[in-house]
């Protein structure tokens, strides 16, 4: 039973961490940007490393409530990753349109 709870918690953690970036990529893919999901292979490991390192840093600094800090780090890194992906894909889509207009 403990293993099942740990697996469920890990899946929820990854869903919260990677869900918004996946939603942004899916939105741009539906708009016709075929390269939307390519950026996720770089973003997912970067988000995971950033979240884990921030959680360990908070623990090393001796901050209280480690569970709350892990949740806060996860949500902040998730939002920052989704925002960065949206910004990157937005600039990519604009440059592709500008190239298409020139030709």
PDB file of N, CA and C in Angstrom:
ATOM      1  N   UNK A   1       0.820  -1.196   0.000  1.00  0.00           N
ATOM      2  CA  UNK A   1       0.000   0.000   0.000  1.00  0.00           C
ATOM      3  C   UNK A   1       0.867   1.265   0.000  1.00  0.00           C
ATOM      4  N   UNK A   2       1.963   1.229   0.729  1.00  0.00           N
ATOM      5  CA  UNK A   2       2.854   2.388   0.755  1.00  0.00           C
ATOM      6  C   UNK A   2       3.489   2.632  -0.607  1.00  0.00           C
ATOM      7  N   UNK A   3       3.803   1.555  -1.296  1.00  0.00           N
ATOM      8  CA  UNK A   3       4.377   1.685  -2.629  1.00  0.00           C
ATOM      9  C   UNK A   3       3.368   2.320  -3.590  1.00  0.00           C
ATOM     10  N   UNK A   4       2.125   1.934  -3.469  1.00  0.00           N
ATOM     11  CA  UNK A   4       1.081   2.494  -4.316  1.00  0.00           C
ATOM     12  C   UNK A   4       0.903   3.989  -4.049  1.00  0.00           C
ATOM     13  N   UNK A   5       0.959   4.385  -2.798  1.00  0.00           N
ATOM     14  CA  UNK A   5       0.843   5.798  -2.451  1.00  0.00           C
ATOM     15  C   UNK A   5       2.048   6.576  -2.973  1.00  0.00           C
ATOM     16  N   UNK A   6       3.235   6.002  -2.889  1.00  0.00           N
ATOM     17  CA  UNK A   6       4.442   6.664  -3.392  1.00  0.00           C
ATOM     18  C   UNK A   6       4.387   6.822  -4.910  1.00  0.00           C
ATOM     19  N   UNK A   7       3.907   5.819  -5.607  1.00  0.00           N
ATOM     20  CA  UNK A   7       3.781   5.900  -7.065  1.00  0.00           C
ATOM     21  C   UNK A   7       2.746   6.955  -7.439  1.00  0.00           C
ATOM     22  N   UNK A   8       1.646   6.989  -6.725  1.00  0.00           N
ATOM     23  CA  UNK A   8       0.612   7.987  -6.987  1.00  0.00           C
ATOM     24  C   UNK A   8       1.139   9.402  -6.735  1.00  0.00           C
ATOM     25  N   UNK A   9       1.879   9.582  -5.660  1.00  0.00           N
ATOM     26  CA  UNK A   9       2.450  10.896  -5.351  1.00  0.00           C
ATOM     27  C   UNK A   9       3.456  11.319  -6.416  1.00  0.00           C
ATOM     28  N   UNK A  10       4.258  10.386  -6.910  1.00  0.00           N
ATOM     29  CA  UNK A  10       5.226  10.705  -7.960  1.00  0.00           C
ATOM     30  C   UNK A  10       4.513  11.088  -9.258  1.00  0.00           C
ATOM     31  N   UNK A  11       3.438  10.400  -9.582  1.00  0.00           N
ATOM     32  CA  UNK A  11       2.677  10.727 -10.797  1.00  0.00           C
ATOM     33  C   UNK A  11       1.996  12.088 -10.680  1.00  0.00           C
ATOM     34  N   UNK A  12       1.480  12.402  -9.501  1.00  0.00           N
ATOM     35  CA  UNK A  12       0.879  13.722  -9.294  1.00  0.00           C
ATOM     36  C   UNK A  12       1.945  14.808  -9.402  1.00  0.00           C
ATOM     37  N   UNK A  13       3.130  14.562  -8.805  1.00  0.00           N
ATOM     38  CA  UNK A  13       4.239  15.511  -8.890  1.00  0.00           C
ATOM     39  C   UNK A  13       4.623  15.773 -10.337  1.00  0.00           C
ATOM     40  N   UNK A  14       4.791  14.725 -11.123  1.00  0.00           N
ATOM     41  CA  UNK A  14       5.169  14.889 -12.528  1.00  0.00           C
ATOM     42  C   UNK A  14       4.042  15.518 -13.346  1.00  0.00           C
ATOM     43  N   UNK A  15       2.813  15.210 -13.008  1.00  0.00           N
ATOM     44  CA  UNK A  15       1.688  15.818 -13.706  1.00  0.00           C
ATOM     45  C   UNK A  15       1.596  17.319 -13.463  1.00  0.00           C
ATOM     46  N   UNK A  16       1.822  17.723 -12.213  1.00  0.00           N
ATOM     47  CA  UNK A  16       1.809  19.149 -11.897  1.00  0.00           C
ATOM     48  C   UNK A  16       3.009  19.846 -12.518  1.00  0.00           C
ATOM     49  N   UNK A  17       4.148  19.180 -12.532  1.00  0.00           N
ATOM     50  CA  UNK A  17       5.368  19.783 -13.063  1.00  0.00           C
ATOM     51  C   UNK A  17       5.331  19.910 -14.580  1.00  0.00           C
ATOM     52  N   UNK A  18       4.907  18.874 -15.270  1.00  0.00           N
ATOM     53  CA  UNK A  18       4.989  18.834 -16.724  1.00  0.00           C
ATOM     54  C   UNK A  18       3.672  19.120 -17.431  1.00  0.00           C
ATOM     55  N   UNK A  19       2.570  19.134 -16.715  1.00  0.00           N
ATOM     56  CA  UNK A  19       1.260  19.332 -17.336  1.00  0.00           C
ATOM     57  C   UNK A  19       1.090  20.663 -18.054  1.00  0.00           C
ATOM     58  N   UNK A  20       1.415  21.785 -17.417  1.00  0.00           N
ATOM     59  CA  UNK A  20       1.227  23.064 -18.119  1.00  0.00           C
ATOM     60  C   UNK A  20       2.085  23.208 -19.376  1.00  0.00           C
ATOM     61  N   UNK A  21       3.308  22.734 -19.345  1.00  0.00           N
ATOM     62  CA  UNK A  21       4.157  22.805 -20.536  1.00  0.00           C
ATOM     63  C   UNK A  21       3.593  21.926 -21.649  1.00  0.00           C
ATOM     64  N   UNK A  22       3.070  20.771 -21.294  1.00  0.00           N
ATOM     65  CA  UNK A  22       2.449  19.900 -22.283  1.00  0.00           C
ATOM     66  C   UNK A  22       1.207  20.556 -22.878  1.00  0.00           C
ATOM     67  N   UNK A  23       0.430  21.245 -22.052  1.00  0.00           N
ATOM     68  CA  UNK A  23      -0.771  21.926 -22.545  1.00  0.00           C
ATOM     69  C   UNK A  23      -0.404  23.045 -23.514  1.00  0.00           C
ATOM     70  N   UNK A  24       0.663  23.777 -23.214  1.00  0.00           N
ATOM     71  CA  UNK A  24       1.117  24.839 -24.130  1.00  0.00           C
ATOM     72  C   UNK A  24       1.575  24.236 -25.455  1.00  0.00           C
ATOM     73  N   UNK A  25       2.361  23.166 -25.382  1.00  0.00           N
ATOM     74  CA  UNK A  25       2.842  22.525 -26.604  1.00  0.00           C
ATOM     75  C   UNK A  25       1.678  21.959 -27.420  1.00  0.00           C
ATOM     76  N   UNK A  26       0.704  21.399 -26.756  1.00  0.00           N
ATOM     77  CA  UNK A  26      -0.466  20.857 -27.453  1.00  0.00           C
ATOM     78  C   UNK A  26      -1.261  21.965 -28.132  1.00  0.00           C
ATOM     79  N   UNK A  27      -1.382  23.110 -27.483  1.00  0.00           N
ATOM     80  CA  UNK A  27      -2.094  24.234 -28.077  1.00  0.00           C
ATOM     81  C   UNK A  27      -1.394  24.719 -29.349  1.00  0.00           C
ATOM     82  N   UNK A  28      -0.072  24.857 -29.297  1.00  0.00           N
ATOM     83  CA  UNK A  28       0.653  25.302 -30.482  1.00  0.00           C
ATOM     84  C   UNK A  28       0.671  24.233 -31.572  1.00  0.00           C
ATOM     85  N   UNK A  29       0.677  22.974 -31.178  1.00  0.00           N
ATOM     86  CA  UNK A  29       0.639  21.892 -32.166  1.00  0.00           C
ATOM     87  C   UNK A  29      -0.688  21.901 -32.914  1.00  0.00           C
ATOM     88  N   UNK A  30      -1.768  22.176 -32.188  1.00  0.00           N
ATOM     89  CA  UNK A  30      -3.082  22.247 -32.832  1.00  0.00           C
ATOM     90  C   UNK A  30      -3.195  23.453 -33.751  1.00  0.00           C
ATOM     91  N   UNK A  31      -2.414  24.496 -33.495  1.00  0.00           N
ATOM     92  CA  UNK A  31      -2.395  25.667 -34.374  1.00  0.00           C
ATOM     93  C   UNK A  31      -1.580  25.419 -35.635  1.00  0.00           C
ATOM     94  N   UNK A  32      -0.823  24.341 -35.659  1.00  0.00           N
ATOM     95  CA  UNK A  32      -0.086  24.008 -36.862  1.00  0.00           C
ATOM     96  C   UNK A  32       1.425  24.078 -36.727  1.00  0.00           C
ATOM     97  N   UNK A  33       1.934  24.320 -35.519  1.00  0.00           N
ATOM     98  CA  UNK A  33       3.377  24.351 -35.307  1.00  0.00           C
ATOM     99  C   UNK A  33       3.846  22.930 -35.014  1.00  0.00           C
ATOM    100  N   UNK A  34       4.448  22.305 -35.999  1.00  0.00           N
ATOM    101  CA  UNK A  34       4.842  20.901 -35.870  1.00  0.00           C
ATOM    102  C   UNK A  34       6.026  20.709 -34.930  1.00  0.00           C
ATOM    103  N   UNK A  35       6.756  21.789 -34.637  1.00  0.00           N
ATOM    104  CA  UNK A  35       7.931  21.668 -33.773  1.00  0.00           C
ATOM    105  C   UNK A  35       7.611  21.886 -32.312  1.00  0.00           C
ATOM    106  N   UNK A  36       6.353  21.950 -31.935  1.00  0.00           N
ATOM    107  CA  UNK A  36       5.975  22.314 -30.575  1.00  0.00           C
ATOM    108  C   UNK A  36       6.461  21.300 -29.550  1.00  0.00           C
ATOM    109  N   UNK A  37       6.408  20.032 -29.875  1.00  0.00           N
ATOM    110  CA  UNK A  37       6.769  19.010 -28.898  1.00  0.00           C
ATOM    111  C   UNK A  37       8.278  18.745 -28.847  1.00  0.00           C
ATOM    112  N   UNK A  38       9.026  19.246 -29.799  1.00  0.00           N
ATOM    113  CA  UNK A  38      10.482  19.023 -29.777  1.00  0.00           C
ATOM    114  C   UNK A  38      11.152  19.698 -28.599  1.00  0.00           C
ATOM    115  N   UNK A  39      10.628  20.839 -28.194  1.00  0.00           N
ATOM    116  CA  UNK A  39      11.245  21.582 -27.099  1.00  0.00           C
ATOM    117  C   UNK A  39      11.042  20.897 -25.750  1.00  0.00           C
ATOM    118  N   UNK A  40      10.052  20.025 -25.659  1.00  0.00           N
ATOM    119  CA  UNK A  40       9.759  19.372 -24.384  1.00  0.00           C
ATOM    120  C   UNK A  40      10.870  18.416 -23.955  1.00  0.00           C
ATOM    121  N   UNK A  41      11.605  17.861 -24.901  1.00  0.00           N
ATOM    122  CA  UNK A  41      12.667  16.935 -24.525  1.00  0.00           C
ATOM    123  C   UNK A  41      13.802  17.651 -23.807  1.00  0.00           C
ATOM    124  N   UNK A  42      13.919  18.962 -23.997  1.00  0.00           N
ATOM    125  CA  UNK A  42      14.901  19.747 -23.258  1.00  0.00           C
ATOM    126  C   UNK A  42      14.290  20.366 -22.003  1.00  0.00           C
ATOM    127  N   UNK A  43      13.022  20.721 -22.084  1.00  0.00           N
ATOM    128  CA  UNK A  43      12.365  21.405 -20.979  1.00  0.00           C
ATOM    129  C   UNK A  43      12.064  20.472 -19.812  1.00  0.00           C
ATOM    130  N   UNK A  44      11.614  19.258 -20.091  1.00  0.00           N
ATOM    131  CA  UNK A  44      11.254  18.337 -19.013  1.00  0.00           C
ATOM    132  C   UNK A  44      12.421  18.020 -18.075  1.00  0.00           C
ATOM    133  N   UNK A  45      13.590  17.627 -18.583  1.00  0.00           N
ATOM    134  CA  UNK A  45      14.694  17.376 -17.637  1.00  0.00           C
ATOM    135  C   UNK A  45      15.146  18.642 -16.914  1.00  0.00           C
ATOM    136  N   UNK A  46      15.110  19.780 -17.603  1.00  0.00           N
ATOM    137  CA  UNK A  46      15.513  21.027 -16.956  1.00  0.00           C
ATOM    138  C   UNK A  46      14.563  21.382 -15.816  1.00  0.00           C
ATOM    139  N   UNK A  47      13.285  21.182 -16.007  1.00  0.00           N
ATOM    140  CA  UNK A  47      12.318  21.450 -14.954  1.00  0.00           C
ATOM    141  C   UNK A  47      12.513  20.505 -13.775  1.00  0.00           C
ATOM    142  N   UNK A  48      12.750  19.250 -14.061  1.00  0.00           N
ATOM    143  CA  UNK A  48      12.943  18.278 -12.991  1.00  0.00           C
ATOM    144  C   UNK A  48      14.195  18.595 -12.178  1.00  0.00           C
ATOM    145  N   UNK A  49      15.288  18.921 -12.860  1.00  0.00           N
ATOM    146  CA  UNK A  49      16.532  19.259 -12.165  1.00  0.00           C
ATOM    147  C   UNK A  49      16.354  20.528 -11.341  1.00  0.00           C
ATOM    148  N   UNK A  50      15.684  21.531 -11.900  1.00  0.00           N
ATOM    149  CA  UNK A  50      15.479  22.785 -11.173  1.00  0.00           C
ATOM    150  C   UNK A  50      14.628  22.579  -9.928  1.00  0.00           C
ATOM    151  N   UNK A  51      13.573  21.788 -10.045  1.00  0.00           N
ATOM    152  CA  UNK A  51      12.701  21.560  -8.902  1.00  0.00           C
ATOM    153  C   UNK A  51      13.411  20.798  -7.792  1.00  0.00           C
ATOM    154  N   UNK A  52      14.109  19.753  -8.154  1.00  0.00           N
ATOM    155  CA  UNK A  52      14.806  18.949  -7.142  1.00  0.00           C
ATOM    156  C   UNK A  52      15.931  19.755  -6.498  1.00  0.00           C
ATOM    157  N   UNK A  53      16.664  20.529  -7.300  1.00  0.00           N
ATOM    158  CA  UNK A  53      17.751  21.308  -6.721  1.00  0.00           C
ATOM    159  C   UNK A  53      17.221  22.412  -5.808  1.00  0.00           C
ATOM    160  N   UNK A  54      16.112  23.044  -6.166  1.00  0.00           N
ATOM    161  CA  UNK A  54      15.522  24.045  -5.284  1.00  0.00           C
ATOM    162  C   UNK A  54      15.017  23.432  -3.987  1.00  0.00           C
ATOM    163  N   UNK A  55      14.454  22.242  -4.065  1.00  0.00           N
ATOM    164  CA  UNK A  55      13.978  21.569  -2.854  1.00  0.00           C
ATOM    165  C   UNK A  55      15.147  21.194  -1.943  1.00  0.00           C
ATOM    166  N   UNK A  56      16.240  20.688  -2.520  1.00  0.00           N
ATOM    167  CA  UNK A  56      17.405  20.361  -1.706  1.00  0.00           C
ATOM    168  C   UNK A  56      18.060  21.617  -1.135  1.00  0.00           C
ATOM    169  N   UNK A  57      18.076  22.685  -1.884  1.00  0.00           N
ATOM    170  CA  UNK A  57      18.636  23.943  -1.389  1.00  0.00           C
ATOM    171  C   UNK A  57      17.826  24.470  -0.216  1.00  0.00           C
ATOM    172  N   UNK A  58      16.516  24.381  -0.298  1.00  0.00           N
ATOM    173  CA  UNK A  58      15.669  24.811   0.814  1.00  0.00           C
ATOM    174  C   UNK A  58      15.911  23.948   2.048  1.00  0.00           C
ATOM    175  N   UNK A  59      16.130  22.667   1.836  1.00  0.00           N
ATOM    176  CA  UNK A  59      16.420  21.781   2.952  1.00  0.00           C
ATOM    177  C   UNK A  59      17.783  22.086   3.564  1.00  0.00           C
ATOM    178  N   UNK A  60      18.778  22.359   2.729  1.00  0.00           N
ATOM    179  CA  UNK A  60      20.102  22.682   3.241  1.00  0.00           C
ATOM    180  C   UNK A  60      20.128  24.000   4.004  1.00  0.00           C
ATOM    181  N   UNK A  61      19.296  24.940   3.587  1.00  0.00           N
ATOM    182  CA  UNK A  61      19.226  26.218   4.286  1.00  0.00           C
ATOM    183  C   UNK A  61      18.460  26.126   5.594  1.00  0.00           C
ATOM    184  N   UNK A  62      17.841  25.003   5.830  1.00  0.00           N
ATOM    185  CA  UNK A  62      17.138  24.778   7.087  1.00  0.00           C
ATOM    186  C   UNK A  62      15.772  25.446   7.157  1.00  0.00           C
ATOM    187  N   UNK A  63      15.174  25.684   6.022  1.00  0.00           N
ATOM    188  CA  UNK A  63      13.850  26.295   6.015  1.00  0.00           C
ATOM    189  C   UNK A  63      12.816  25.294   6.524  1.00  0.00           C
ATOM    190  N   UNK A  64      11.804  25.820   7.167  1.00  0.00           N
ATOM    191  CA  UNK A  64      10.782  24.946   7.745  1.00  0.00           C
ATOM    192  C   UNK A  64       9.742  24.565   6.708  1.00  0.00           C
ATOM    193  N   UNK A  65       8.961  23.562   7.031  1.00  0.00           N
ATOM    194  CA  UNK A  65       7.891  23.051   6.175  1.00  0.00           C
ATOM    195  C   UNK A  65       8.422  22.601   4.811  1.00  0.00           C
ATOM    196  N   UNK A  66       9.196  21.527   4.772  1.00  0.00           N
ATOM    197  CA  UNK A  66       9.779  21.083   3.499  1.00  0.00           C
ATOM    198  C   UNK A  66       8.734  20.628   2.480  1.00  0.00           C
ATOM    199  N   UNK A  67       7.636  20.078   2.930  1.00  0.00           N
ATOM    200  CA  UNK A  67       6.613  19.640   1.978  1.00  0.00           C
ATOM    201  C   UNK A  67       5.993  20.835   1.261  1.00  0.00           C
ATOM    202  N   UNK A  68       5.734  21.890   1.989  1.00  0.00           N
ATOM    203  CA  UNK A  68       5.191  23.096   1.382  1.00  0.00           C
ATOM    204  C   UNK A  68       6.176  23.735   0.421  1.00  0.00           C
ATOM    205  N   UNK A  69       7.456  23.682   0.765  1.00  0.00           N
ATOM    206  CA  UNK A  69       8.475  24.236  -0.118  1.00  0.00           C
ATOM    207  C   UNK A  69       8.611  23.436  -1.406  1.00  0.00           C
ATOM    208  N   UNK A  70       8.490  22.133  -1.309  1.00  0.00           N
ATOM    209  CA  UNK A  70       8.543  21.295  -2.510  1.00  0.00           C
ATOM    210  C   UNK A  70       7.361  21.603  -3.416  1.00  0.00           C
ATOM    211  N   UNK A  71       6.185  21.761  -2.835  1.00  0.00           N
ATOM    212  CA  UNK A  71       5.001  22.095  -3.641  1.00  0.00           C
ATOM    213  C   UNK A  71       5.168  23.466  -4.281  1.00  0.00           C
ATOM    214  N   UNK A  72       5.660  24.438  -3.514  1.00  0.00           N
ATOM    215  CA  UNK A  72       5.854  25.781  -4.056  1.00  0.00           C
ATOM    216  C   UNK A  72       6.902  25.779  -5.165  1.00  0.00           C
ATOM    217  N   UNK A  73       7.994  25.058  -4.971  1.00  0.00           N
ATOM    218  CA  UNK A  73       9.027  24.960  -6.011  1.00  0.00           C
ATOM    219  C   UNK A  73       8.471  24.307  -7.261  1.00  0.00           C
ATOM    220  N   UNK A  74       7.682  23.271  -7.093  1.00  0.00           N
ATOM    221  CA  UNK A  74       7.107  22.562  -8.234  1.00  0.00           C
ATOM    222  C   UNK A  74       6.172  23.462  -9.035  1.00  0.00           C
ATOM    223  N   UNK A  75       5.303  24.171  -8.350  1.00  0.00           N
ATOM    224  CA  UNK A  75       4.339  25.041  -9.038  1.00  0.00           C
ATOM    225  C   UNK A  75       5.059  26.199  -9.730  1.00  0.00           C
ATOM    226  N   UNK A  76       6.035  26.799  -9.054  1.00  0.00           N
ATOM    227  CA  UNK A  76       6.759  27.935  -9.654  1.00  0.00           C
ATOM    228  C   UNK A  76       7.577  27.508 -10.874  1.00  0.00           C
ATOM    229  N   UNK A  77       8.280  26.395 -10.781  1.00  0.00           N
ATOM    230  CA  UNK A  77       9.076  25.918 -11.907  1.00  0.00           C
ATOM    231  C   UNK A  77       8.163  25.484 -13.057  1.00  0.00           C
ATOM    232  N   UNK A  78       7.036  24.904 -12.739  1.00  0.00           N
ATOM    233  CA  UNK A  78       6.089  24.498 -13.766  1.00  0.00           C
ATOM    234  C   UNK A  78       5.543  25.707 -14.516  1.00  0.00           C
ATOM    235  N   UNK A  79       5.157  26.736 -13.775  1.00  0.00           N
ATOM    236  CA  UNK A  79       4.636  27.950 -14.415  1.00  0.00           C
ATOM    237  C   UNK A  79       5.720  28.653 -15.234  1.00  0.00           C
ATOM    238  N   UNK A  80       6.935  28.694 -14.714  1.00  0.00           N
ATOM    239  CA  UNK A  80       8.029  29.331 -15.444  1.00  0.00           C
ATOM    240  C   UNK A  80       8.366  28.556 -16.715  1.00  0.00           C
ATOM    241  N   UNK A  81       8.357  27.234 -16.653  1.00  0.00           N
ATOM    242  CA  UNK A  81       8.626  26.427 -17.840  1.00  0.00           C
ATOM    243  C   UNK A  81       7.555  26.575 -18.896  1.00  0.00           C
ATOM    244  N   UNK A  82       6.289  26.610 -18.477  1.00  0.00           N
ATOM    245  CA  UNK A  82       5.208  26.783 -19.446  1.00  0.00           C
ATOM    246  C   UNK A  82       5.264  28.170 -20.073  1.00  0.00           C
ATOM    247  N   UNK A  83       5.592  29.166 -19.266  1.00  0.00           N
ATOM    248  CA  UNK A  83       5.720  30.517 -19.802  1.00  0.00           C
ATOM    249  C   UNK A  83       6.880  30.638 -20.774  1.00  0.00           C
ATOM    250  N   UNK A  84       7.996  30.037 -20.430  1.00  0.00           N
ATOM    251  CA  UNK A  84       9.159  30.078 -21.322  1.00  0.00           C
ATOM    252  C   UNK A  84       8.876  29.347 -22.631  1.00  0.00           C
ATOM    253  N   UNK A  85       8.187  28.223 -22.548  1.00  0.00           N
ATOM    254  CA  UNK A  85       7.843  27.482 -23.763  1.00  0.00           C
ATOM    255  C   UNK A  85       6.872  28.276 -24.636  1.00  0.00           C
ATOM    256  N   UNK A  86       5.892  28.907 -24.021  1.00  0.00           N
ATOM    257  CA  UNK A  86       4.941  29.724 -24.786  1.00  0.00           C
ATOM    258  C   UNK A  86       5.648  30.896 -25.452  1.00  0.00           C
ATOM    259  N   UNK A  87       6.569  31.511 -24.735  1.00  0.00           N
ATOM    260  CA  UNK A  87       7.317  32.623 -25.305  1.00  0.00           C
ATOM    261  C   UNK A  87       8.182  32.167 -26.472  1.00  0.00           C
ATOM    262  N   UNK A  88       8.862  31.046 -26.295  1.00  0.00           N
ATOM    263  CA  UNK A  88       9.713  30.511 -27.355  1.00  0.00           C
ATOM    264  C   UNK A  88       8.904  30.136 -28.592  1.00  0.00           C
ATOM    265  N   UNK A  89       7.788  29.457 -28.389  1.00  0.00           N
ATOM    266  CA  UNK A  89       6.963  29.052 -29.522  1.00  0.00           C
ATOM    267  C   UNK A  89       6.280  30.243 -30.170  1.00  0.00           C
ATOM    268  N   UNK A  90       5.976  31.256 -29.392  1.00  0.00           N
ATOM    269  CA  UNK A  90       5.376  32.458 -29.955  1.00  0.00           C
ATOM    270  C   UNK A  90       6.349  33.168 -30.882  1.00  0.00           C
ATOM    271  N   UNK A  91       7.604  33.313 -30.437  1.00  0.00           N
ATOM    272  CA  UNK A  91       8.605  33.931 -31.305  1.00  0.00           C
ATOM    273  C   UNK A  91       8.897  33.065 -32.519  1.00  0.00           C
ATOM    274  N   UNK A  92       8.894  31.754 -32.342  1.00  0.00           N
ATOM    275  CA  UNK A  92       9.139  30.845 -33.454  1.00  0.00           C
ATOM    276  C   UNK A  92       8.020  30.942 -34.483  1.00  0.00           C
ATOM    277  N   UNK A  93       6.792  31.020 -34.019  1.00  0.00           N
ATOM    278  CA  UNK A  93       5.652  31.110 -34.924  1.00  0.00           C
ATOM    279  C   UNK A  93       5.660  32.437 -35.676  1.00  0.00           C
ATOM    280  N   UNK A  94       6.038  33.527 -34.990  1.00  0.00           N
ATOM    281  CA  UNK A  94       6.107  34.829 -35.650  1.00  0.00           C
ATOM    282  C   UNK A  94       7.189  34.863 -36.716  1.00  0.00           C
ATOM    283  N   UNK A  95       8.343  34.269 -36.403  1.00  0.00           N
ATOM    284  CA  UNK A  95       9.431  34.283 -37.394  1.00  0.00           C
ATOM    285  C   UNK A  95       9.081  33.413 -38.600  1.00  0.00           C
ATOM    286  N   UNK A  96       8.367  32.321 -38.365  1.00  0.00           N
ATOM    287  CA  UNK A  96       7.947  31.488 -39.496  1.00  0.00           C
ATOM    288  C   UNK A  96       6.950  32.217 -40.376  1.00  0.00           C
ATOM    289  N   UNK A  97       6.058  32.976 -39.775  1.00  0.00           N
ATOM    290  CA  UNK A  97       5.096  33.744 -40.565  1.00  0.00           C
ATOM    291  C   UNK A  97       5.804  34.843 -41.363  1.00  0.00           C
ATOM    292  N   UNK A  98       6.783  35.469 -40.734  1.00  0.00           N
ATOM    293  CA  UNK A  98       7.517  36.533 -41.431  1.00  0.00           C
ATOM    294  C   UNK A  98       8.290  35.971 -42.617  1.00  0.00           C
ATOM    295  N   UNK A  99       8.870  34.785 -42.449  1.00  0.00           N
ATOM    296  CA  UNK A  99       9.577  34.147 -43.566  1.00  0.00           C
ATOM    297  C   UNK A  99       8.622  33.777 -44.685  1.00  0.00           C
ATOM    298  N   UNK A 100       7.437  33.301 -44.323  1.00  0.00           N
ATOM    299  CA  UNK A 100       6.450  32.904 -45.322  1.00  0.00           C
ATOM    300  C   UNK A 100       5.923  34.115 -46.087  1.00  0.00           C
ATOM    301  N   UNK A 101       5.823  35.251 -45.401  1.00  0.00           N
ATOM    302  CA  UNK A 101       5.348  36.457 -46.088  1.00  0.00           C
ATOM    303  C   UNK A 101       6.373  36.993 -47.074  1.00  0.00           C
ATOM    304  N   UNK A 102       7.645  36.787 -46.794  1.00  0.00           N
ATOM    305  CA  UNK A 102       8.698  37.290 -47.671  1.00  0.00           C
ATOM    306  C   UNK A 102       8.786  36.508 -48.979  1.00  0.00           C
ATOM    307  N   UNK A 103       8.452  35.229 -48.916  1.00  0.00           N
ATOM    308  CA  UNK A 103       8.604  34.360 -50.089  1.00  0.00           C
ATOM    309  C   UNK A 103       7.479  34.480 -51.043  1.00  0.00           C
TER     310      UNK A 103
END
